């Protein structure tokens, strides 16, 4: 979690208090957090490689984006499951695979239903 907090601190200049943004340190801590197995770090790595919302921290690479999204999905992150389903469906960063797309879409729905059930109890 500390690595993710440091990523956020260096990536967002208004995180906690205004300071100088340091993209290289942000990148270093994000990579470290992903290697440490943080599912959110894996999701964010996928977003950066996919160039989500114009991110340019990493060079666009759909294959790398898919790998990181899939790691986050396999750790149970709902949004990552949806992204992996989308990528499998459209062959982005991977071979098209409708069966895998359906599997990850269903995984996202099951996790979402699980989350809603816990909130209702």
N, C-alpha and C. Protein backbone atom coordinates (compact mmCIF):
# COMPACT_ATOMS: atom_id res chain seq x y z
N UNK A 1 0.82 -1.19 0.00
CA UNK A 1 0.00 0.00 0.00
C UNK A 1 0.87 1.26 0.00
N UNK A 2 1.99 1.21 0.68
CA UNK A 2 2.88 2.38 0.74
C UNK A 2 3.37 2.76 -0.66
N UNK A 3 3.71 1.77 -1.46
CA UNK A 3 4.17 2.06 -2.82
C UNK A 3 3.09 2.75 -3.63
N UNK A 4 1.84 2.31 -3.47
CA UNK A 4 0.73 2.95 -4.18
C UNK A 4 0.52 4.38 -3.68
N UNK A 5 0.65 4.59 -2.38
CA UNK A 5 0.51 5.95 -1.84
C UNK A 5 1.59 6.86 -2.40
N UNK A 6 2.81 6.35 -2.52
CA UNK A 6 3.90 7.17 -3.08
C UNK A 6 3.68 7.42 -4.57
N UNK A 7 3.16 6.43 -5.28
CA UNK A 7 2.78 6.65 -6.69
C UNK A 7 1.80 7.82 -6.76
N UNK A 8 0.74 7.76 -5.96
CA UNK A 8 -0.27 8.81 -5.97
C UNK A 8 0.30 10.17 -5.61
N UNK A 9 1.19 10.17 -4.63
CA UNK A 9 1.80 11.43 -4.20
C UNK A 9 2.59 12.07 -5.34
N UNK A 10 3.40 11.27 -6.02
CA UNK A 10 4.24 11.83 -7.08
C UNK A 10 3.50 12.03 -8.40
N UNK A 11 2.44 11.28 -8.64
CA UNK A 11 1.69 11.41 -9.89
C UNK A 11 0.74 12.60 -9.86
N UNK A 12 0.04 12.79 -8.74
CA UNK A 12 -0.95 13.86 -8.60
C UNK A 12 -0.34 14.99 -7.79
N UNK A 13 -0.16 16.15 -8.40
CA UNK A 13 0.53 17.23 -7.70
C UNK A 13 -0.28 17.82 -6.55
N UNK A 14 -1.58 17.58 -6.50
CA UNK A 14 -2.39 18.06 -5.39
C UNK A 14 -2.78 16.95 -4.42
N UNK A 15 -2.11 15.82 -4.49
CA UNK A 15 -2.36 14.68 -3.61
C UNK A 15 -1.85 15.05 -2.21
N UNK A 16 -2.70 15.02 -1.24
CA UNK A 16 -2.43 15.39 0.15
C UNK A 16 -2.18 16.89 0.27
N UNK A 17 -1.11 17.41 -0.30
CA UNK A 17 -0.86 18.86 -0.30
C UNK A 17 -0.12 19.20 -1.59
N UNK A 18 -0.26 20.41 -2.07
CA UNK A 18 0.42 20.78 -3.32
C UNK A 18 1.94 20.59 -3.23
N UNK A 19 2.51 20.04 -4.28
CA UNK A 19 3.95 19.79 -4.35
C UNK A 19 4.34 19.60 -5.81
N UNK A 20 5.60 19.45 -6.07
CA UNK A 20 6.06 19.20 -7.43
C UNK A 20 5.75 17.77 -7.85
N UNK A 21 5.22 17.62 -9.03
CA UNK A 21 4.96 16.30 -9.60
C UNK A 21 6.29 15.71 -10.07
N UNK A 22 6.49 14.42 -9.84
CA UNK A 22 7.70 13.74 -10.29
C UNK A 22 7.29 12.44 -10.99
N UNK A 23 7.16 12.52 -12.30
CA UNK A 23 6.66 11.39 -13.09
C UNK A 23 7.55 10.16 -12.97
N UNK A 24 8.87 10.35 -12.92
CA UNK A 24 9.78 9.20 -12.83
C UNK A 24 9.63 8.47 -11.51
N UNK A 25 9.50 9.22 -10.42
CA UNK A 25 9.28 8.57 -9.12
C UNK A 25 7.90 7.91 -9.07
N UNK A 26 6.90 8.56 -9.67
CA UNK A 26 5.56 7.97 -9.73
C UNK A 26 5.63 6.63 -10.46
N UNK A 27 6.30 6.61 -11.58
CA UNK A 27 6.44 5.40 -12.38
C UNK A 27 7.17 4.31 -11.59
N UNK A 28 8.24 4.70 -10.92
CA UNK A 28 9.03 3.74 -10.13
C UNK A 28 8.18 3.08 -9.04
N UNK A 29 7.39 3.90 -8.32
CA UNK A 29 6.57 3.34 -7.24
C UNK A 29 5.38 2.54 -7.77
N UNK A 30 4.84 2.91 -8.90
CA UNK A 30 3.75 2.14 -9.50
C UNK A 30 4.25 0.77 -9.92
N UNK A 31 5.40 0.71 -10.56
CA UNK A 31 5.98 -0.58 -10.96
C UNK A 31 6.25 -1.44 -9.73
N UNK A 32 6.79 -0.81 -8.70
CA UNK A 32 7.08 -1.54 -7.46
C UNK A 32 5.80 -2.11 -6.85
N UNK A 33 4.75 -1.32 -6.80
CA UNK A 33 3.48 -1.77 -6.24
C UNK A 33 2.90 -2.93 -7.05
N UNK A 34 3.01 -2.86 -8.37
CA UNK A 34 2.51 -3.96 -9.22
C UNK A 34 3.31 -5.23 -8.96
N UNK A 35 4.63 -5.10 -8.85
CA UNK A 35 5.47 -6.27 -8.56
C UNK A 35 5.17 -6.84 -7.18
N UNK A 36 4.72 -6.00 -6.26
CA UNK A 36 4.37 -6.45 -4.92
C UNK A 36 2.99 -7.12 -4.89
N UNK A 37 2.31 -7.12 -6.02
CA UNK A 37 1.03 -7.81 -6.12
C UNK A 37 -0.18 -6.97 -5.79
N UNK A 38 -0.07 -5.66 -5.83
CA UNK A 38 -1.22 -4.80 -5.57
C UNK A 38 -2.14 -4.81 -6.79
N UNK A 39 -3.39 -5.22 -6.59
CA UNK A 39 -4.30 -5.34 -7.75
C UNK A 39 -4.61 -3.99 -8.37
N UNK A 40 -4.68 -2.94 -7.55
CA UNK A 40 -4.96 -1.62 -8.11
C UNK A 40 -3.77 -1.11 -8.93
N UNK A 41 -2.57 -1.42 -8.48
CA UNK A 41 -1.38 -1.03 -9.24
C UNK A 41 -1.38 -1.73 -10.59
N UNK A 42 -1.77 -3.01 -10.62
CA UNK A 42 -1.85 -3.73 -11.90
C UNK A 42 -2.88 -3.10 -12.82
N UNK A 43 -4.02 -2.72 -12.25
CA UNK A 43 -5.06 -2.07 -13.05
C UNK A 43 -4.55 -0.74 -13.61
N UNK A 44 -3.89 0.04 -12.78
CA UNK A 44 -3.39 1.35 -13.21
C UNK A 44 -2.27 1.19 -14.24
N UNK A 45 -1.43 0.16 -14.07
CA UNK A 45 -0.39 -0.11 -15.08
C UNK A 45 -1.07 -0.39 -16.42
N UNK A 46 -2.13 -1.20 -16.39
CA UNK A 46 -2.89 -1.48 -17.61
C UNK A 46 -3.43 -0.20 -18.23
N UNK A 47 -3.97 0.68 -17.39
CA UNK A 47 -4.51 1.93 -17.89
C UNK A 47 -3.43 2.79 -18.53
N UNK A 48 -2.27 2.85 -17.89
CA UNK A 48 -1.19 3.66 -18.46
C UNK A 48 -0.70 3.07 -19.79
N UNK A 49 -0.53 1.76 -19.85
CA UNK A 49 -0.09 1.14 -21.11
C UNK A 49 -1.15 1.26 -22.20
N UNK A 50 -2.41 1.26 -21.81
CA UNK A 50 -3.50 1.40 -22.78
C UNK A 50 -3.67 2.86 -23.19
N UNK A 51 -3.00 3.74 -22.48
CA UNK A 51 -3.09 5.18 -22.66
C UNK A 51 -4.51 5.68 -22.39
N UNK A 52 -5.08 5.14 -21.32
CA UNK A 52 -6.40 5.51 -20.84
C UNK A 52 -6.43 7.00 -20.51
N UNK A 53 -7.40 7.71 -21.03
CA UNK A 53 -7.58 9.14 -20.82
C UNK A 53 -6.31 9.94 -21.11
N UNK A 54 -5.57 9.53 -22.13
CA UNK A 54 -4.42 10.30 -22.58
C UNK A 54 -3.15 10.12 -21.77
N UNK A 55 -3.11 9.13 -20.89
CA UNK A 55 -1.90 8.90 -20.09
C UNK A 55 -0.71 8.65 -21.00
N UNK A 56 0.42 9.21 -20.63
CA UNK A 56 1.62 8.96 -21.43
C UNK A 56 2.81 8.59 -20.52
N UNK A 57 2.52 8.02 -19.35
CA UNK A 57 3.59 7.61 -18.44
C UNK A 57 4.39 6.46 -19.05
N UNK A 58 3.69 5.61 -19.80
CA UNK A 58 4.32 4.50 -20.52
C UNK A 58 3.96 4.63 -22.00
N UNK A 59 4.80 4.13 -22.85
CA UNK A 59 4.48 4.10 -24.27
C UNK A 59 3.30 3.16 -24.48
N UNK A 60 2.36 3.54 -25.33
CA UNK A 60 1.18 2.70 -25.58
C UNK A 60 1.60 1.32 -26.02
N UNK A 61 1.04 0.31 -25.35
CA UNK A 61 1.37 -1.07 -25.66
C UNK A 61 0.18 -1.93 -25.22
N UNK A 62 -0.66 -2.29 -26.18
CA UNK A 62 -1.88 -3.05 -25.86
C UNK A 62 -1.58 -4.41 -25.25
N UNK A 63 -0.50 -5.04 -25.69
CA UNK A 63 -0.13 -6.35 -25.14
C UNK A 63 0.20 -6.22 -23.64
N UNK A 64 1.03 -5.23 -23.28
CA UNK A 64 1.38 -5.02 -21.86
C UNK A 64 0.13 -4.62 -21.08
N UNK A 65 -0.71 -3.78 -21.67
CA UNK A 65 -1.95 -3.37 -21.00
C UNK A 65 -2.78 -4.60 -20.67
N UNK A 66 -2.92 -5.49 -21.64
CA UNK A 66 -3.71 -6.70 -21.43
C UNK A 66 -3.13 -7.53 -20.28
N UNK A 67 -1.83 -7.69 -20.24
CA UNK A 67 -1.19 -8.49 -19.19
C UNK A 67 -1.52 -7.92 -17.80
N UNK A 68 -1.36 -6.61 -17.66
CA UNK A 68 -1.62 -6.00 -16.35
C UNK A 68 -3.10 -6.01 -15.99
N UNK A 69 -3.97 -5.72 -16.96
CA UNK A 69 -5.41 -5.81 -16.69
C UNK A 69 -5.78 -7.22 -16.26
N UNK A 70 -5.24 -8.22 -16.95
CA UNK A 70 -5.57 -9.62 -16.63
C UNK A 70 -5.09 -9.99 -15.24
N UNK A 71 -3.90 -9.54 -14.86
CA UNK A 71 -3.41 -9.82 -13.50
C UNK A 71 -4.37 -9.22 -12.46
N UNK A 72 -4.81 -7.99 -12.70
CA UNK A 72 -5.74 -7.36 -11.76
C UNK A 72 -7.08 -8.09 -11.75
N UNK A 73 -7.53 -8.53 -12.92
CA UNK A 73 -8.79 -9.27 -13.01
C UNK A 73 -8.68 -10.59 -12.27
N UNK A 74 -7.57 -11.27 -12.44
CA UNK A 74 -7.38 -12.56 -11.77
C UNK A 74 -7.24 -12.40 -10.26
N UNK A 75 -6.93 -11.18 -9.81
CA UNK A 75 -6.88 -10.89 -8.37
C UNK A 75 -8.27 -10.51 -7.84
N UNK A 76 -9.23 -10.32 -8.77
CA UNK A 76 -10.60 -10.08 -8.36
C UNK A 76 -11.13 -8.68 -8.55
N UNK A 77 -10.44 -7.83 -9.27
CA UNK A 77 -10.90 -6.46 -9.47
C UNK A 77 -11.96 -6.43 -10.59
N UNK A 78 -13.16 -6.00 -10.23
CA UNK A 78 -14.31 -6.03 -11.15
C UNK A 78 -14.04 -5.25 -12.44
N UNK A 79 -13.55 -4.01 -12.32
CA UNK A 79 -13.32 -3.18 -13.50
C UNK A 79 -12.28 -3.82 -14.42
N UNK A 80 -11.30 -4.49 -13.84
CA UNK A 80 -10.29 -5.17 -14.65
C UNK A 80 -10.91 -6.35 -15.38
N UNK A 81 -11.83 -7.06 -14.73
CA UNK A 81 -12.53 -8.17 -15.40
C UNK A 81 -13.27 -7.67 -16.63
N UNK A 82 -13.93 -6.53 -16.48
CA UNK A 82 -14.66 -5.94 -17.62
C UNK A 82 -13.72 -5.57 -18.76
N UNK A 83 -12.57 -5.01 -18.38
CA UNK A 83 -11.61 -4.59 -19.40
C UNK A 83 -11.03 -5.80 -20.13
N UNK A 84 -10.71 -6.85 -19.39
CA UNK A 84 -10.19 -8.06 -20.01
C UNK A 84 -11.23 -8.67 -20.93
N UNK A 85 -12.49 -8.68 -20.51
CA UNK A 85 -13.56 -9.19 -21.37
C UNK A 85 -13.62 -8.39 -22.67
N UNK A 86 -13.55 -7.08 -22.55
CA UNK A 86 -13.56 -6.19 -23.72
C UNK A 86 -12.38 -6.47 -24.64
N UNK A 87 -11.21 -6.65 -24.05
CA UNK A 87 -10.01 -6.88 -24.86
C UNK A 87 -10.06 -8.24 -25.56
N UNK A 88 -10.52 -9.26 -24.85
CA UNK A 88 -10.68 -10.58 -25.49
C UNK A 88 -11.72 -10.51 -26.61
N UNK A 89 -12.82 -9.81 -26.36
CA UNK A 89 -13.88 -9.70 -27.36
C UNK A 89 -13.38 -9.04 -28.64
N UNK A 90 -12.52 -8.03 -28.50
CA UNK A 90 -12.07 -7.25 -29.65
C UNK A 90 -10.65 -7.56 -30.12
N UNK A 91 -10.00 -8.51 -29.46
CA UNK A 91 -8.64 -8.87 -29.86
C UNK A 91 -7.64 -7.74 -29.64
N UNK A 92 -7.77 -7.04 -28.55
CA UNK A 92 -6.86 -5.93 -28.24
C UNK A 92 -5.80 -6.44 -27.26
N UNK A 93 -4.57 -6.52 -27.72
CA UNK A 93 -3.48 -7.00 -26.88
C UNK A 93 -3.45 -8.50 -26.70
N UNK A 94 -4.36 -9.18 -27.36
CA UNK A 94 -4.49 -10.64 -27.25
C UNK A 94 -5.24 -11.13 -28.50
N UNK A 95 -5.30 -12.44 -28.64
CA UNK A 95 -6.12 -13.01 -29.70
C UNK A 95 -7.59 -12.89 -29.32
N UNK A 96 -8.44 -12.64 -30.31
CA UNK A 96 -9.88 -12.62 -30.04
C UNK A 96 -10.27 -13.97 -29.47
N UNK A 97 -11.09 -13.94 -28.42
CA UNK A 97 -11.53 -15.18 -27.81
C UNK A 97 -12.89 -14.92 -27.14
N UNK A 98 -13.97 -15.17 -27.89
CA UNK A 98 -15.31 -14.90 -27.34
C UNK A 98 -15.61 -15.69 -26.06
N UNK A 99 -15.08 -16.91 -25.97
CA UNK A 99 -15.32 -17.71 -24.76
C UNK A 99 -14.66 -17.09 -23.54
N UNK A 100 -13.42 -16.64 -23.70
CA UNK A 100 -12.71 -15.98 -22.60
C UNK A 100 -13.37 -14.63 -22.28
N UNK A 101 -13.83 -13.93 -23.31
CA UNK A 101 -14.52 -12.66 -23.09
C UNK A 101 -15.75 -12.89 -22.21
N UNK A 102 -16.51 -13.91 -22.53
CA UNK A 102 -17.71 -14.23 -21.76
C UNK A 102 -17.34 -14.64 -20.34
N UNK A 103 -16.28 -15.42 -20.21
CA UNK A 103 -15.82 -15.87 -18.89
C UNK A 103 -15.50 -14.68 -17.98
N UNK A 104 -14.74 -13.71 -18.51
CA UNK A 104 -14.37 -12.55 -17.69
C UNK A 104 -15.54 -11.61 -17.47
N UNK A 105 -16.45 -11.52 -18.44
CA UNK A 105 -17.65 -10.72 -18.23
C UNK A 105 -18.49 -11.34 -17.11
N UNK A 106 -18.67 -12.66 -17.16
CA UNK A 106 -19.43 -13.36 -16.12
C UNK A 106 -18.75 -13.23 -14.76
N UNK A 107 -17.43 -13.26 -14.76
CA UNK A 107 -16.67 -13.09 -13.53
C UNK A 107 -16.95 -11.71 -12.93
N UNK A 108 -17.01 -10.69 -13.78
CA UNK A 108 -17.27 -9.34 -13.28
C UNK A 108 -18.69 -9.24 -12.72
N UNK A 109 -19.65 -9.88 -13.38
CA UNK A 109 -21.03 -9.85 -12.91
C UNK A 109 -21.17 -10.59 -11.59
N UNK A 110 -20.50 -11.74 -11.46
CA UNK A 110 -20.57 -12.52 -10.22
C UNK A 110 -19.97 -11.73 -9.06
N UNK A 111 -18.85 -11.08 -9.30
CA UNK A 111 -18.21 -10.28 -8.24
C UNK A 111 -19.08 -9.08 -7.88
N UNK A 112 -19.70 -8.49 -8.89
CA UNK A 112 -20.58 -7.35 -8.65
C UNK A 112 -21.80 -7.78 -7.83
N UNK A 113 -22.38 -8.93 -8.18
CA UNK A 113 -23.53 -9.45 -7.44
C UNK A 113 -23.14 -9.77 -6.00
N UNK A 114 -21.96 -10.34 -5.83
CA UNK A 114 -21.41 -10.66 -4.51
C UNK A 114 -21.27 -9.39 -3.68
N UNK A 115 -20.73 -8.35 -4.29
CA UNK A 115 -20.51 -7.07 -3.61
C UNK A 115 -21.85 -6.47 -3.19
N UNK A 116 -22.86 -6.51 -4.06
CA UNK A 116 -24.17 -5.97 -3.76
C UNK A 116 -24.83 -6.75 -2.63
N UNK A 117 -24.68 -8.07 -2.63
CA UNK A 117 -25.26 -8.90 -1.59
C UNK A 117 -24.66 -8.56 -0.22
N UNK A 118 -23.36 -8.32 -0.19
CA UNK A 118 -22.69 -7.97 1.07
C UNK A 118 -23.15 -6.60 1.57
N UNK A 119 -23.38 -5.67 0.64
CA UNK A 119 -23.84 -4.34 1.00
C UNK A 119 -25.25 -4.36 1.54
N UNK A 120 -26.09 -5.28 1.05
CA UNK A 120 -27.47 -5.38 1.46
C UNK A 120 -27.63 -6.04 2.84
N UNK A 121 -26.63 -6.81 3.25
CA UNK A 121 -26.77 -7.53 4.53
C UNK A 121 -26.28 -6.74 5.70
